[in-house]
Amino acid sequence: MARSENRTHLEQLFVRMHQVIRAIPRGHVATYGQVAELAGVPGGARIAAASLKAKRAEGLPWQRVIGKASGRNGRIKILDPVGAAIQRELLEREGVDVGDKGLVDLGAYGWMPNQKPKTTKGSPKRALKNNSRSTTGGSGRAASPRRPLRSGSKRRA
């Protein structure tokens, strides 16, 4: 493939990824892999992540795309502590409960394309107060506005 053909192909992939990301409703999340699969690129989680860095990604609800942590959990995958804190704040404003370690319950907040959006009575902040937080506790290393990242800190039992 010639260079211009590669660029055109990549731009088309990004457009499809962005269409999927725009469809994720408030209060829900999707994983990078899910976005890629819905855009017709199975196994293209890294392409989905790269599409969010493209110039045309402005205005996308980027905070609704998270990494896969386990079978039922997703996770904020932004390595920059400030970016992770911003993503956490935006998700919490939408009513998504983000645990101390950046985990999100995909059973509760995961989005499926033919699913009707859940409606939350009251403001998102009120919904947050009603949601229970993770009782597992944090290691103190999670990046959040309440727990800044400390280099060299160790997990305490």
N, C-alpha and C. Protein backbone atom coordinates (compact mmCIF):
# COMPACT_ATOMS: atom_id res chain seq x y z
N MET A 1 0.83 -1.18 0.00
CA MET A 1 0.00 0.00 0.00
C MET A 1 0.88 1.24 0.00
N ALA A 2 0.51 2.20 -0.79
CA ALA A 2 1.25 3.46 -0.82
C ALA A 2 0.97 4.26 0.45
N ARG A 3 1.83 5.21 0.74
CA ARG A 3 1.71 6.00 1.96
C ARG A 3 0.38 6.73 2.03
N SER A 4 -0.08 7.32 0.95
CA SER A 4 -1.35 8.05 0.96
C SER A 4 -2.53 7.09 1.16
N GLU A 5 -2.41 5.87 0.63
CA GLU A 5 -3.46 4.88 0.83
C GLU A 5 -3.52 4.45 2.30
N ASN A 6 -2.35 4.30 2.92
CA ASN A 6 -2.29 3.96 4.34
C ASN A 6 -2.95 5.05 5.18
N ARG A 7 -2.63 6.28 4.85
CA ARG A 7 -3.19 7.41 5.60
C ARG A 7 -4.70 7.47 5.45
N THR A 8 -5.20 7.27 4.24
CA THR A 8 -6.64 7.28 3.98
C THR A 8 -7.32 6.14 4.75
N HIS A 9 -6.70 4.97 4.71
CA HIS A 9 -7.26 3.82 5.43
C HIS A 9 -7.33 4.10 6.93
N LEU A 10 -6.27 4.67 7.50
CA LEU A 10 -6.23 4.98 8.92
C LEU A 10 -7.28 6.02 9.27
N GLU A 11 -7.43 7.03 8.44
CA GLU A 11 -8.45 8.06 8.69
C GLU A 11 -9.86 7.45 8.68
N GLN A 12 -10.10 6.50 7.78
CA GLN A 12 -11.40 5.83 7.74
C GLN A 12 -11.64 5.01 9.00
N LEU A 13 -10.59 4.35 9.49
CA LEU A 13 -10.71 3.61 10.75
C LEU A 13 -11.04 4.55 11.90
N PHE A 14 -10.35 5.67 11.96
CA PHE A 14 -10.59 6.64 13.02
C PHE A 14 -12.02 7.17 12.97
N VAL A 15 -12.53 7.44 11.78
CA VAL A 15 -13.91 7.94 11.63
C VAL A 15 -14.89 6.91 12.20
N ARG A 16 -14.67 5.64 11.90
CA ARG A 16 -15.56 4.59 12.41
C ARG A 16 -15.45 4.48 13.93
N MET A 17 -14.24 4.59 14.46
CA MET A 17 -14.05 4.55 15.91
C MET A 17 -14.78 5.72 16.57
N HIS A 18 -14.66 6.89 15.97
CA HIS A 18 -15.29 8.09 16.54
C HIS A 18 -16.81 7.99 16.52
N GLN A 19 -17.37 7.35 15.50
CA GLN A 19 -18.82 7.16 15.45
C GLN A 19 -19.28 6.30 16.62
N VAL A 20 -18.53 5.27 16.92
CA VAL A 20 -18.87 4.39 18.05
C VAL A 20 -18.75 5.16 19.36
N ILE A 21 -17.67 5.92 19.53
CA ILE A 21 -17.45 6.66 20.77
C ILE A 21 -18.55 7.69 20.99
N ARG A 22 -18.99 8.37 19.92
CA ARG A 22 -20.08 9.34 20.05
C ARG A 22 -21.39 8.69 20.48
N ALA A 23 -21.55 7.41 20.21
CA ALA A 23 -22.79 6.71 20.53
C ALA A 23 -22.86 6.27 21.99
N ILE A 24 -21.76 6.30 22.71
CA ILE A 24 -21.76 5.88 24.12
C ILE A 24 -22.51 6.94 24.92
N PRO A 25 -23.62 6.56 25.59
CA PRO A 25 -24.41 7.55 26.32
C PRO A 25 -23.78 7.97 27.64
N ARG A 26 -24.22 9.10 28.15
CA ARG A 26 -23.77 9.59 29.46
C ARG A 26 -24.04 8.50 30.51
N GLY A 27 -23.14 8.37 31.46
CA GLY A 27 -23.32 7.42 32.53
C GLY A 27 -22.92 6.00 32.17
N HIS A 28 -22.33 5.81 30.99
CA HIS A 28 -21.89 4.49 30.55
C HIS A 28 -20.46 4.58 30.04
N VAL A 29 -19.80 3.44 29.98
CA VAL A 29 -18.44 3.35 29.46
C VAL A 29 -18.34 2.18 28.49
N ALA A 30 -17.32 2.21 27.67
CA ALA A 30 -16.98 1.09 26.78
C ALA A 30 -15.47 0.94 26.83
N THR A 31 -14.99 -0.28 26.60
CA THR A 31 -13.55 -0.51 26.60
C THR A 31 -12.99 -0.18 25.21
N TYR A 32 -11.69 0.04 25.15
CA TYR A 32 -11.03 0.29 23.87
C TYR A 32 -11.29 -0.86 22.90
N GLY A 33 -11.18 -2.08 23.41
CA GLY A 33 -11.40 -3.25 22.57
C GLY A 33 -12.82 -3.33 22.05
N GLN A 34 -13.78 -2.97 22.89
CA GLN A 34 -15.18 -2.97 22.48
C GLN A 34 -15.43 -1.93 21.38
N VAL A 35 -14.86 -0.74 21.56
CA VAL A 35 -15.00 0.31 20.54
C VAL A 35 -14.44 -0.19 19.21
N ALA A 36 -13.26 -0.80 19.26
CA ALA A 36 -12.63 -1.30 18.02
C ALA A 36 -13.49 -2.37 17.37
N GLU A 37 -13.99 -3.30 18.16
CA GLU A 37 -14.81 -4.38 17.61
C GLU A 37 -16.09 -3.84 16.98
N LEU A 38 -16.74 -2.89 17.65
CA LEU A 38 -17.97 -2.30 17.11
C LEU A 38 -17.70 -1.49 15.84
N ALA A 39 -16.46 -1.01 15.71
CA ALA A 39 -16.07 -0.25 14.51
C ALA A 39 -15.61 -1.19 13.40
N GLY A 40 -15.63 -2.49 13.65
CA GLY A 40 -15.24 -3.45 12.63
C GLY A 40 -13.77 -3.81 12.61
N VAL A 41 -13.08 -3.58 13.74
CA VAL A 41 -11.65 -3.88 13.82
C VAL A 41 -11.41 -4.74 15.07
N PRO A 42 -11.79 -6.02 15.03
CA PRO A 42 -11.55 -6.88 16.19
C PRO A 42 -10.06 -6.92 16.54
N GLY A 43 -9.77 -6.82 17.83
CA GLY A 43 -8.38 -6.82 18.27
C GLY A 43 -7.69 -5.48 18.05
N GLY A 44 -8.44 -4.45 17.76
CA GLY A 44 -7.86 -3.14 17.46
C GLY A 44 -7.94 -2.14 18.59
N ALA A 45 -7.79 -2.60 19.84
CA ALA A 45 -7.87 -1.70 20.98
C ALA A 45 -6.86 -0.56 20.90
N ARG A 46 -5.67 -0.86 20.43
CA ARG A 46 -4.64 0.19 20.33
C ARG A 46 -4.99 1.22 19.25
N ILE A 47 -5.66 0.77 18.22
CA ILE A 47 -6.11 1.71 17.18
C ILE A 47 -7.18 2.63 17.76
N ALA A 48 -8.08 2.06 18.57
CA ALA A 48 -9.11 2.87 19.22
C ALA A 48 -8.47 3.93 20.11
N ALA A 49 -7.45 3.54 20.86
CA ALA A 49 -6.74 4.48 21.73
C ALA A 49 -6.06 5.57 20.89
N ALA A 50 -5.42 5.16 19.81
CA ALA A 50 -4.73 6.13 18.94
C ALA A 50 -5.73 7.09 18.30
N SER A 51 -6.93 6.61 18.01
CA SER A 51 -7.92 7.48 17.37
C SER A 51 -8.32 8.65 18.27
N LEU A 52 -8.22 8.44 19.58
CA LEU A 52 -8.56 9.51 20.51
C LEU A 52 -7.50 10.61 20.56
N LYS A 53 -6.32 10.31 20.03
CA LYS A 53 -5.24 11.30 19.99
C LYS A 53 -5.22 12.08 18.68
N ALA A 54 -6.06 11.69 17.73
CA ALA A 54 -6.08 12.33 16.42
C ALA A 54 -6.67 13.74 16.52
N LYS A 55 -6.30 14.59 15.59
CA LYS A 55 -6.78 15.97 15.58
C LYS A 55 -8.30 16.05 15.52
N ARG A 56 -8.92 15.13 14.81
CA ARG A 56 -10.38 15.15 14.64
C ARG A 56 -11.12 14.59 15.84
N ALA A 57 -10.43 14.26 16.90
CA ALA A 57 -11.06 13.67 18.08
C ALA A 57 -11.64 14.73 19.02
N GLU A 58 -11.46 16.00 18.70
CA GLU A 58 -11.98 17.05 19.56
C GLU A 58 -13.49 16.95 19.66
N GLY A 59 -14.00 17.14 20.87
CA GLY A 59 -15.43 17.10 21.09
C GLY A 59 -15.98 15.72 21.35
N LEU A 60 -15.13 14.70 21.29
CA LEU A 60 -15.59 13.34 21.59
C LEU A 60 -15.70 13.15 23.09
N PRO A 61 -16.63 12.30 23.56
CA PRO A 61 -16.70 11.98 24.98
C PRO A 61 -15.63 10.94 25.35
N TRP A 62 -14.37 11.34 25.23
CA TRP A 62 -13.23 10.45 25.40
C TRP A 62 -13.20 9.77 26.76
N GLN A 63 -13.75 10.45 27.78
CA GLN A 63 -13.70 9.91 29.13
C GLN A 63 -14.50 8.62 29.27
N ARG A 64 -15.39 8.34 28.34
CA ARG A 64 -16.24 7.15 28.41
C ARG A 64 -15.55 5.91 27.87
N VAL A 65 -14.33 6.04 27.40
CA VAL A 65 -13.58 4.90 26.87
C VAL A 65 -12.48 4.55 27.88
N ILE A 66 -12.52 3.30 28.36
CA ILE A 66 -11.59 2.87 29.40
C ILE A 66 -10.95 1.55 29.00
N GLY A 67 -9.94 1.16 29.72
CA GLY A 67 -9.27 -0.11 29.46
C GLY A 67 -10.01 -1.27 30.11
N LYS A 68 -9.68 -2.46 29.69
CA LYS A 68 -10.27 -3.68 30.27
C LYS A 68 -9.35 -4.14 31.39
N ALA A 69 -9.91 -4.34 32.59
CA ALA A 69 -9.11 -4.79 33.72
C ALA A 69 -9.30 -6.27 33.99
N SER A 70 -10.54 -6.72 33.92
CA SER A 70 -10.86 -8.13 34.15
C SER A 70 -12.21 -8.41 33.50
N GLY A 71 -12.77 -9.58 33.75
CA GLY A 71 -14.04 -9.96 33.13
C GLY A 71 -15.16 -8.97 33.36
N ARG A 72 -15.28 -8.44 34.56
CA ARG A 72 -16.40 -7.54 34.86
C ARG A 72 -15.96 -6.12 35.19
N ASN A 73 -14.70 -5.82 35.07
CA ASN A 73 -14.21 -4.49 35.42
C ASN A 73 -13.42 -3.85 34.29
N GLY A 74 -13.58 -2.54 34.18
CA GLY A 74 -12.75 -1.73 33.33
C GLY A 74 -11.90 -0.85 34.22
N ARG A 75 -10.96 -0.15 33.63
CA ARG A 75 -10.06 0.67 34.43
C ARG A 75 -9.63 1.90 33.65
N ILE A 76 -9.47 2.99 34.36
CA ILE A 76 -8.88 4.18 33.77
C ILE A 76 -7.45 3.83 33.42
N LYS A 77 -7.07 3.96 32.15
CA LYS A 77 -5.76 3.54 31.69
C LYS A 77 -4.81 4.69 31.37
N ILE A 78 -5.21 5.89 31.68
CA ILE A 78 -4.34 7.03 31.42
C ILE A 78 -3.22 7.01 32.46
N LEU A 79 -1.99 7.02 32.00
CA LEU A 79 -0.84 6.92 32.90
C LEU A 79 -0.52 8.25 33.58
N ASP A 80 -0.82 9.34 32.92
CA ASP A 80 -0.58 10.66 33.49
C ASP A 80 -1.55 10.88 34.65
N PRO A 81 -1.05 11.15 35.85
CA PRO A 81 -1.94 11.31 37.01
C PRO A 81 -2.97 12.43 36.83
N VAL A 82 -2.59 13.51 36.18
CA VAL A 82 -3.53 14.61 35.97
C VAL A 82 -4.63 14.19 34.99
N GLY A 83 -4.25 13.54 33.90
CA GLY A 83 -5.23 13.07 32.93
C GLY A 83 -6.17 12.04 33.53
N ALA A 84 -5.63 11.14 34.37
CA ALA A 84 -6.46 10.14 35.03
C ALA A 84 -7.45 10.79 35.99
N ALA A 85 -6.99 11.81 36.70
CA ALA A 85 -7.87 12.52 37.63
C ALA A 85 -8.98 13.26 36.88
N ILE A 86 -8.65 13.81 35.73
CA ILE A 86 -9.67 14.50 34.92
C ILE A 86 -10.69 13.49 34.41
N GLN A 87 -10.23 12.34 33.92
CA GLN A 87 -11.16 11.32 33.43
C GLN A 87 -12.07 10.85 34.57
N ARG A 88 -11.49 10.62 35.74
CA ARG A 88 -12.27 10.20 36.90
C ARG A 88 -13.36 11.24 37.22
N GLU A 89 -12.98 12.49 37.27
CA GLU A 89 -13.92 13.57 37.60
C GLU A 89 -15.05 13.64 36.57
N LEU A 90 -14.72 13.57 35.28
CA LEU A 90 -15.74 13.63 34.23
C LEU A 90 -16.70 12.44 34.33
N LEU A 91 -16.18 11.26 34.57
CA LEU A 91 -17.03 10.08 34.71
C LEU A 91 -17.93 10.19 35.94
N GLU A 92 -17.37 10.64 37.05
CA GLU A 92 -18.17 10.78 38.27
C GLU A 92 -19.27 11.82 38.10
N ARG A 93 -19.00 12.88 37.37
CA ARG A 93 -20.05 13.88 37.09
C ARG A 93 -21.21 13.28 36.31
N GLU A 94 -20.91 12.26 35.51
CA GLU A 94 -21.94 11.59 34.72
C GLU A 94 -22.64 10.48 35.51
N GLY A 95 -22.21 10.26 36.74
CA GLY A 95 -22.84 9.26 37.59
C GLY A 95 -22.18 7.90 37.57
N VAL A 96 -21.00 7.79 36.95
CA VAL A 96 -20.28 6.52 36.92
C VAL A 96 -19.45 6.41 38.19
N ASP A 97 -19.61 5.31 38.92
CA ASP A 97 -18.86 5.09 40.15
C ASP A 97 -17.47 4.54 39.79
N VAL A 98 -16.45 5.30 40.12
CA VAL A 98 -15.06 4.89 39.86
C VAL A 98 -14.43 4.56 41.20
N GLY A 99 -13.96 3.34 41.36
CA GLY A 99 -13.34 2.90 42.60
C GLY A 99 -12.02 3.60 42.86
N ASP A 100 -11.49 3.39 44.06
CA ASP A 100 -10.23 4.03 44.47
C ASP A 100 -9.07 3.70 43.55
N LYS A 101 -9.09 2.51 42.95
CA LYS A 101 -8.00 2.09 42.06
C LYS A 101 -8.31 2.37 40.60
N GLY A 102 -9.34 3.17 40.34
CA GLY A 102 -9.70 3.50 38.97
C GLY A 102 -10.56 2.46 38.29
N LEU A 103 -11.10 1.49 39.06
CA LEU A 103 -11.92 0.43 38.48
C LEU A 103 -13.36 0.88 38.30
N VAL A 104 -13.96 0.40 37.21
CA VAL A 104 -15.37 0.67 36.91
C VAL A 104 -16.05 -0.67 36.67
N ASP A 105 -17.19 -0.88 37.31
CA ASP A 105 -17.95 -2.12 37.15
C ASP A 105 -18.64 -2.09 35.79
N LEU A 106 -18.19 -2.96 34.89
CA LEU A 106 -18.78 -3.00 33.54
C LEU A 106 -20.19 -3.58 33.57
N GLY A 107 -20.51 -4.39 34.58
CA GLY A 107 -21.86 -4.91 34.71
C GLY A 107 -22.86 -3.79 34.98
N ALA A 108 -22.44 -2.79 35.72
CA ALA A 108 -23.31 -1.67 36.07
C ALA A 108 -23.24 -0.53 35.06
N TYR A 109 -22.05 -0.23 34.53
CA TYR A 109 -21.86 0.96 33.70
C TYR A 109 -21.43 0.67 32.27
N GLY A 110 -21.17 -0.58 31.96
CA GLY A 110 -20.76 -0.93 30.60
C GLY A 110 -21.90 -0.71 29.62
N TRP A 111 -21.57 -0.29 28.43
CA TRP A 111 -22.56 0.04 27.41
C TRP A 111 -22.62 -1.05 26.35
N MET A 112 -23.83 -1.37 25.96
CA MET A 112 -24.07 -2.26 24.83
C MET A 112 -24.82 -1.44 23.79
N PRO A 113 -24.52 -1.56 22.52
CA PRO A 113 -25.07 -0.68 21.49
C PRO A 113 -26.60 -0.59 21.44
N ASN A 114 -27.33 -1.67 21.69
CA ASN A 114 -28.78 -1.62 21.60
C ASN A 114 -29.45 -1.38 22.94
N GLN A 115 -28.68 -0.92 23.90
CA GLN A 115 -29.16 -0.69 25.26
C GLN A 115 -29.68 0.73 25.40
N LYS A 116 -30.82 0.89 26.04
CA LYS A 116 -31.36 2.23 26.31
C LYS A 116 -30.57 2.83 27.46
N PRO A 117 -30.29 4.15 27.39
CA PRO A 117 -29.53 4.78 28.47
C PRO A 117 -30.31 4.73 29.78
N LYS A 118 -29.60 4.52 30.89
CA LYS A 118 -30.22 4.58 32.21
C LYS A 118 -30.44 6.03 32.56
N THR A 119 -31.54 6.32 33.22
CA THR A 119 -31.78 7.68 33.67
C THR A 119 -31.57 7.73 35.17
N THR A 120 -30.90 8.75 35.62
CA THR A 120 -30.62 8.93 37.03
C THR A 120 -31.45 10.09 37.53
N LYS A 121 -32.22 9.85 38.59
CA LYS A 121 -33.02 10.93 39.16
C LYS A 121 -32.09 11.86 39.92
N GLY A 122 -32.34 13.15 39.78
CA GLY A 122 -31.53 14.13 40.47
C GLY A 122 -30.25 14.41 39.72
N SER A 123 -29.38 15.14 40.39
CA SER A 123 -28.11 15.52 39.77
C SER A 123 -27.13 14.37 39.83
N PRO A 124 -26.11 14.40 38.95
CA PRO A 124 -25.09 13.35 39.00
C PRO A 124 -24.39 13.29 40.36
N LYS A 125 -24.20 14.44 41.02
CA LYS A 125 -23.53 14.44 42.32
C LYS A 125 -24.39 13.73 43.36
N ARG A 126 -25.72 13.93 43.28
CA ARG A 126 -26.62 13.23 44.20
C ARG A 126 -26.54 11.73 43.94
N ALA A 127 -26.48 11.36 42.69
CA ALA A 127 -26.39 9.94 42.35
C ALA A 127 -25.09 9.35 42.90
N LEU A 128 -24.02 10.15 42.90
CA LEU A 128 -22.75 9.66 43.43
C LEU A 128 -22.84 9.41 44.92
N LYS A 129 -23.55 10.29 45.64
CA LYS A 129 -23.68 10.11 47.08
C LYS A 129 -24.46 8.85 47.40
N ASN A 130 -25.40 8.48 46.54
CA ASN A 130 -26.21 7.29 46.78
C ASN A 130 -25.47 6.01 46.40
N ASN A 131 -24.48 6.10 45.53
CA ASN A 131 -23.71 4.91 45.13
C ASN A 131 -22.70 4.58 46.20
N SER A 132 -22.53 3.30 46.50
CA SER A 132 -21.55 2.91 47.50
C SER A 132 -20.17 2.83 46.85
N ARG A 133 -19.19 3.22 47.58
CA ARG A 133 -17.81 3.17 47.11
C ARG A 133 -17.25 1.78 47.32
N SER A 134 -16.18 1.51 46.65
CA SER A 134 -15.51 0.22 46.82
C SER A 134 -15.05 0.07 48.26
N THR A 135 -15.32 -1.08 48.86
CA THR A 135 -14.93 -1.29 50.25
C THR A 135 -13.58 -1.98 50.35
N THR A 136 -12.94 -2.22 49.22
CA THR A 136 -11.66 -2.91 49.26
C THR A 136 -10.53 -1.99 49.66
N GLY A 137 -10.76 -0.69 49.61
CA GLY A 137 -9.71 0.25 49.98
C GLY A 137 -8.72 0.43 48.86
N GLY A 138 -7.90 1.43 48.98
CA GLY A 138 -6.92 1.70 47.94
C GLY A 138 -5.52 1.51 48.46
N SER A 139 -4.59 1.50 47.56
CA SER A 139 -3.19 1.30 47.95
C SER A 139 -2.53 2.62 48.28
N GLY A 140 -3.22 3.72 48.01
CA GLY A 140 -2.59 5.01 48.22
C GLY A 140 -1.84 5.48 47.00
N ARG A 141 -1.75 4.63 45.97
CA ARG A 141 -1.00 4.99 44.77
C ARG A 141 -1.93 5.40 43.63
N ALA A 142 -3.21 5.25 43.81
CA ALA A 142 -4.15 5.59 42.74
C ALA A 142 -4.13 7.08 42.50
N ALA A 143 -4.19 7.47 41.25
CA ALA A 143 -4.19 8.88 40.90
C ALA A 143 -5.62 9.39 40.99
N SER A 144 -5.86 10.29 41.90
CA SER A 144 -7.17 10.91 42.01
C SER A 144 -6.99 12.25 42.68
N PRO A 145 -8.01 13.11 42.61
CA PRO A 145 -7.86 14.40 43.27
C PRO A 145 -7.68 14.24 44.78
N ARG A 146 -8.24 13.16 45.36
CA ARG A 146 -8.12 12.95 46.79
C ARG A 146 -6.83 12.26 47.19
N ARG A 147 -6.27 11.49 46.28
CA ARG A 147 -5.04 10.74 46.57
C ARG A 147 -4.02 10.98 45.48
N PRO A 148 -3.20 12.00 45.62
CA PRO A 148 -2.21 12.24 44.58
C PRO A 148 -1.18 11.11 44.52
N LEU A 149 -0.62 10.91 43.35
CA LEU A 149 0.39 9.88 43.15
C LEU A 149 1.65 10.27 43.89
N ARG A 150 2.17 9.34 44.68
CA ARG A 150 3.40 9.58 45.41
C ARG A 150 4.44 8.60 44.93
N SER A 151 5.52 9.11 44.46
CA SER A 151 6.57 8.20 43.98
C SER A 151 7.21 7.50 45.15
N GLY A 152 7.49 6.22 44.97
CA GLY A 152 8.18 5.47 45.99
C GLY A 152 7.30 4.97 47.12
N SER A 153 6.00 5.26 47.10
CA SER A 153 5.14 4.80 48.18
C SER A 153 4.89 3.30 48.03
N LYS A 154 4.74 2.64 49.13
CA LYS A 154 4.52 1.19 49.14
C LYS A 154 3.11 0.91 49.61
N ARG A 155 2.57 -0.21 49.15
CA ARG A 155 1.23 -0.62 49.59
C ARG A 155 1.30 -1.05 51.04
N ARG A 156 0.36 -0.57 51.81
CA ARG A 156 0.31 -0.91 53.22
C ARG A 156 -0.88 -1.80 53.49
N ALA A 157 -0.68 -2.81 54.31
CA ALA A 157 -1.75 -3.76 54.63
C ALA A 157 -2.73 -3.19 55.62
